[in-house]
Amino acid sequence: INQIPQNIGLQANGGGDQRSGDSVKLFVGQIGRNTEEAIQEMISKYATVTEVSILRDKNTQVSKGCAFILVPRKQDGEAVIKALHNRHVMPGMTHAVQISFAKGEEERLATKLFVGMLPKNLTGDDVKQLFAAFGEVEEVYLMKDKATGVSKGSAFVKMSSRNEAQAAIHNLNGKPAIPGNGGPLVVKFADPPKDKVQEMRGLAQINLVQQAMLQQQQSLLLGAAGGAGG
């Protein structure tokens, strides 16, 4: 087993979660009774591990067969998931490890921004240059009219880190893209895509409410008709 760096936090049951703003927490399942060191060795081939935290029974301290780990960046988490999820089987296990972002992590680390009220004469390169002052711009999508190709005055911009995205919001939101030319920009985190299951549940709840309202209306109409008949 490779020697574990001294700055790696090996926690027994949830740990202290010592993280930087851009670090990301991953959930790792199907680890069996493997140790923190074994998990760190598995992950470290694809990313630096800053903390390993095996979930254990509070009374017996026996592993529950899953853990949380911290890696420095979202890109590291994506690399670990791509390399190991449903692919690697840990010693003593028959099923491959299950690795995913811990609940809420992708939303917490979102770096995609919505930009509105852009001057329509700005190009995608202009927008990239505007945001490059606050960090690395990974992607710019300038929204255009399909028929004319003219800018709609809005765009999506993806920064390389959460801190850079927050810096762009702090410095650009409410301020003109070009001083003295145009109104204030709207710069905010883009709305995350709705979870399909949650969306279906929401639609089901709406349908139930609508059905209840219809039944109530029918009852009122029947009551009114009965009163008139009496």
Protein backbone atom coordinates (compact mmCIF):
# COMPACT_ATOMS: atom_id res chain seq x y z
CA ILE A 1 0.00 0.00 0.00
CA ASN A 2 1.30 3.46 -0.87
CA GLN A 3 2.18 5.67 2.05
CA ILE A 4 -0.61 8.15 2.74
CA PRO A 5 0.45 11.81 2.88
CA GLN A 6 0.36 13.22 6.39
CA ASN A 7 -2.11 15.96 5.41
CA ILE A 8 -4.79 13.41 4.46
CA GLY A 9 -7.65 13.41 6.95
CA LEU A 10 -8.80 9.88 7.76
CA GLN A 11 -12.05 10.20 9.66
CA ALA A 12 -14.05 7.47 11.37
CA ASN A 13 -17.64 8.64 11.18
CA GLY A 14 -18.38 11.81 9.27
CA GLY A 15 -15.24 13.73 10.22
CA GLY A 16 -14.68 17.43 10.38
CA ASP A 17 -15.19 18.09 6.66
CA GLN A 18 -12.11 20.32 6.29
CA ARG A 19 -12.57 21.73 2.82
CA SER A 20 -11.74 24.65 0.59
CA GLY A 21 -14.43 26.51 -1.32
CA ASP A 22 -13.86 24.52 -4.52
CA SER A 23 -13.36 21.08 -2.98
CA VAL A 24 -16.04 18.47 -3.64
CA LYS A 25 -17.49 15.66 -1.57
CA LEU A 26 -18.13 12.26 -3.17
CA PHE A 27 -20.19 9.37 -1.87
CA VAL A 28 -18.57 5.93 -2.23
CA GLY A 29 -20.64 2.77 -1.80
CA GLN A 30 -19.84 -0.95 -1.98
CA ILE A 31 -16.59 -0.64 -0.02
CA GLY A 32 -17.32 -3.50 2.39
CA ARG A 33 -14.91 -3.62 5.34
CA ASN A 34 -12.08 -1.96 3.47
CA THR A 35 -10.07 0.67 5.36
CA GLU A 36 -9.61 4.38 4.85
CA GLU A 37 -6.13 3.64 3.52
CA ALA A 38 -7.47 1.22 0.90
CA ILE A 39 -10.05 3.79 -0.27
CA GLN A 40 -7.42 6.50 -0.46
CA GLU A 41 -5.14 4.21 -2.49
CA MET A 42 -7.97 3.46 -4.94
CA ILE A 43 -8.93 7.12 -5.44
CA SER A 44 -5.43 8.62 -5.47
CA LYS A 45 -4.69 7.13 -8.89
CA TYR A 46 -7.15 9.65 -10.35
CA ALA A 47 -7.24 12.56 -7.88
CA THR A 48 -5.69 13.91 -4.72
CA VAL A 49 -7.68 12.84 -1.67
CA THR A 50 -7.88 15.39 1.15
CA GLU A 51 -10.19 13.41 3.44
CA VAL A 52 -11.69 9.93 3.78
CA SER A 53 -14.63 9.43 6.11
CA ILE A 54 -16.08 5.92 6.50
CA LEU A 55 -19.61 5.77 7.87
CA ARG A 56 -19.74 3.48 10.90
CA ASP A 57 -22.36 2.17 13.31
CA LYS A 58 -22.34 4.45 16.36
CA ASN A 59 -22.50 1.55 18.80
CA THR A 60 -20.29 -1.10 17.22
CA GLN A 61 -18.07 1.13 15.03
CA VAL A 62 -18.48 -1.45 12.27
CA SER A 63 -18.32 0.01 8.76
CA LYS A 64 -21.66 0.49 7.03
CA GLY A 65 -19.97 -0.26 3.71
CA CYS A 66 -19.87 3.32 2.44
CA ALA A 67 -17.84 6.48 2.84
CA PHE A 68 -17.47 10.14 1.92
CA ILE A 69 -14.29 11.50 0.41
CA LEU A 70 -13.07 14.99 -0.42
CA VAL A 71 -11.14 15.89 -3.57
CA PRO A 72 -9.86 19.37 -4.48
CA ARG A 73 -12.07 20.25 -7.46
CA LYS A 74 -15.22 19.24 -9.28
CA GLN A 75 -13.11 18.11 -12.25
CA ASP A 76 -11.29 15.69 -9.92
CA GLY A 77 -14.61 14.28 -8.78
CA GLU A 78 -15.74 13.80 -12.36
CA ALA A 79 -12.48 11.99 -13.19
CA VAL A 80 -12.88 9.64 -10.20
CA ILE A 81 -16.50 8.83 -11.09
CA LYS A 82 -15.64 8.21 -14.74
CA ALA A 83 -12.74 5.89 -13.88
CA LEU A 84 -14.19 3.90 -10.97
CA HIS A 85 -18.00 4.01 -10.77
CA ASN A 86 -19.43 0.59 -11.68
CA ARG A 87 -15.94 -0.42 -12.86
CA HIS A 88 -13.65 -1.14 -9.92
CA VAL A 89 -14.28 -3.93 -7.38
CA MET A 90 -12.63 -3.52 -3.97
CA PRO A 91 -10.94 -6.47 -2.22
CA GLY A 92 -13.43 -8.89 -0.67
CA MET A 93 -16.37 -7.49 -2.66
CA THR A 94 -18.36 -8.96 -5.56
CA HIS A 95 -19.97 -5.72 -6.81
CA ALA A 96 -18.20 -2.67 -8.23
CA VAL A 97 -17.97 0.52 -6.19
CA GLN A 98 -20.74 3.08 -6.58
CA ILE A 99 -19.40 6.64 -6.68
CA SER A 100 -21.38 9.85 -7.13
CA PHE A 101 -21.38 13.46 -6.02
CA ALA A 102 -22.76 13.73 -2.51
CA LYS A 103 -26.25 15.21 -2.30
CA GLY A 104 -26.27 18.93 -3.05
CA GLU A 105 -22.63 19.10 -4.16
CA GLU A 106 -23.25 19.76 -7.86
CA GLU A 107 -25.60 22.63 -7.00
CA ARG A 108 -23.15 24.03 -4.43
CA LEU A 109 -20.32 23.95 -6.94
CA ALA A 110 -22.24 25.24 -9.95
CA THR A 111 -20.15 27.57 -12.12
CA LYS A 112 -22.60 28.30 -14.93
CA LEU A 113 -23.86 31.88 -15.06
CA PHE A 114 -26.80 33.51 -16.81
CA VAL A 115 -26.00 36.93 -18.26
CA GLY A 116 -28.80 39.27 -19.33
CA MET A 117 -29.08 42.81 -20.69
CA LEU A 118 -25.96 42.49 -22.84
CA PRO A 119 -25.51 45.07 -25.60
CA LYS A 120 -26.61 43.27 -28.76
CA ASN A 121 -23.49 44.29 -30.66
CA LEU A 122 -21.24 42.20 -28.36
CA THR A 123 -19.90 38.93 -29.77
CA GLY A 124 -19.19 35.71 -27.90
CA ASP A 125 -15.50 36.65 -27.81
CA ASP A 126 -16.40 40.03 -26.30
CA VAL A 127 -18.38 38.30 -23.55
CA LYS A 128 -15.51 35.89 -22.90
CA GLN A 129 -13.06 38.77 -22.60
CA LEU A 130 -15.41 40.54 -20.18
CA PHE A 131 -15.54 37.54 -17.83
CA ALA A 132 -11.89 36.52 -18.29
CA ALA A 133 -10.94 39.32 -15.90
CA PHE A 134 -12.28 37.15 -13.06
CA GLY A 135 -10.89 33.73 -13.99
CA GLU A 136 -10.79 31.04 -16.64
CA VAL A 137 -13.83 31.03 -18.92
CA GLU A 138 -14.58 27.47 -20.02
CA GLU A 139 -17.57 28.16 -22.23
CA VAL A 140 -19.69 30.99 -23.63
CA TYR A 141 -23.05 30.46 -25.29
CA LEU A 142 -24.47 33.64 -26.78
CA MET A 143 -28.21 33.36 -27.41
CA LYS A 144 -29.17 34.48 -30.92
CA ASP A 145 -32.33 34.80 -32.99
CA LYS A 146 -32.54 31.70 -35.19
CA ALA A 147 -33.87 33.59 -38.18
CA THR A 148 -31.59 36.63 -38.17
CA GLY A 149 -28.56 35.47 -36.16
CA VAL A 150 -28.74 38.68 -34.14
CA SER A 151 -27.86 38.47 -30.45
CA LYS A 152 -30.79 38.39 -28.03
CA GLY A 153 -28.73 40.23 -25.44
CA SER A 154 -28.27 37.25 -23.15
CA ALA A 155 -25.77 34.43 -22.71
CA PHE A 156 -24.62 31.55 -20.55
CA VAL A 157 -21.05 31.67 -19.27
CA LYS A 158 -19.28 28.78 -17.53
CA MET A 159 -16.35 29.64 -15.27
CA SER A 160 -13.76 27.11 -14.11
CA SER A 161 -14.49 27.48 -10.38
CA ARG A 162 -17.22 28.56 -8.00
CA ASN A 163 -15.03 31.33 -6.57
CA GLU A 164 -14.43 32.77 -10.04
CA ALA A 165 -18.15 32.66 -10.80
CA GLN A 166 -18.93 34.50 -7.55
CA ALA A 167 -16.27 37.10 -8.34
CA ALA A 168 -17.86 37.72 -11.75
CA ILE A 169 -21.30 38.16 -10.17
CA HIS A 170 -19.92 40.52 -7.52
CA ASN A 171 -18.12 42.71 -10.05
CA LEU A 172 -20.49 42.68 -13.03
CA ASN A 173 -24.07 42.32 -11.82
CA GLY A 174 -25.87 45.67 -11.95
CA LYS A 175 -23.07 47.34 -13.87
CA PRO A 176 -22.87 48.11 -17.61
CA ALA A 177 -20.77 45.80 -19.79
CA ILE A 178 -19.25 48.89 -21.39
CA PRO A 179 -19.14 51.97 -19.10
CA GLY A 180 -21.35 54.69 -20.53
CA ASN A 181 -22.87 52.35 -23.10
CA GLY A 182 -25.95 50.32 -22.23
CA GLY A 183 -27.88 49.49 -19.09
CA PRO A 184 -26.85 47.39 -16.09
CA LEU A 185 -26.09 43.72 -16.65
CA VAL A 186 -27.93 40.88 -14.95
CA VAL A 187 -25.37 38.28 -13.85
CA LYS A 188 -26.47 35.36 -11.68
CA PHE A 189 -26.06 31.62 -11.30
CA ALA A 190 -28.02 29.77 -13.98
CA ASP A 191 -31.00 27.80 -12.76
CA PRO A 192 -30.05 24.11 -12.37
CA PRO A 193 -31.95 21.67 -14.62
CA LYS A 194 -34.97 20.23 -12.85
CA ASP A 195 -34.71 16.67 -11.66
CA LYS A 196 -37.04 14.56 -13.80
CA VAL A 197 -38.45 12.69 -10.80
CA GLN A 198 -39.12 15.91 -8.88
CA GLU A 199 -40.71 17.42 -11.99
CA MET A 200 -43.06 14.42 -12.38
CA ARG A 201 -43.95 14.57 -8.69
CA GLY A 202 -44.72 18.26 -9.02
CA LEU A 203 -46.98 17.61 -12.00
CA ALA A 204 -48.72 14.81 -10.10
CA GLN A 205 -49.37 17.13 -7.14
CA ILE A 206 -50.79 19.78 -9.47
CA ASN A 207 -53.09 17.18 -11.04
CA LEU A 208 -54.31 16.07 -7.60
CA VAL A 209 -55.08 19.66 -6.63
CA GLN A 210 -56.92 20.24 -9.90
CA GLN A 211 -58.96 17.04 -9.40
CA ALA A 212 -59.86 18.08 -5.85
CA MET A 213 -60.97 21.51 -7.09
CA LEU A 214 -63.11 19.93 -9.82
CA GLN A 215 -64.73 17.56 -7.33
CA GLN A 216 -65.45 20.48 -5.01
CA GLN A 217 -66.98 22.46 -7.85
CA GLN A 218 -69.13 19.48 -8.88
CA SER A 219 -70.33 19.03 -5.30
CA LEU A 220 -71.28 22.71 -5.11
CA LEU A 221 -73.15 22.49 -8.44
CA LEU A 222 -75.01 19.34 -7.34
CA GLY A 223 -75.91 20.99 -4.05
CA ALA A 224 -77.21 24.07 -5.84
CA ALA A 225 -79.25 21.93 -8.24
CA GLY A 226 -80.76 19.95 -5.34
CA GLY A 227 -81.71 23.13 -3.52
CA ALA A 228 -83.41 24.52 -6.60
CA GLY A 229 -85.31 21.29 -7.11
CA GLY A 230 -86.57 21.36 -3.50
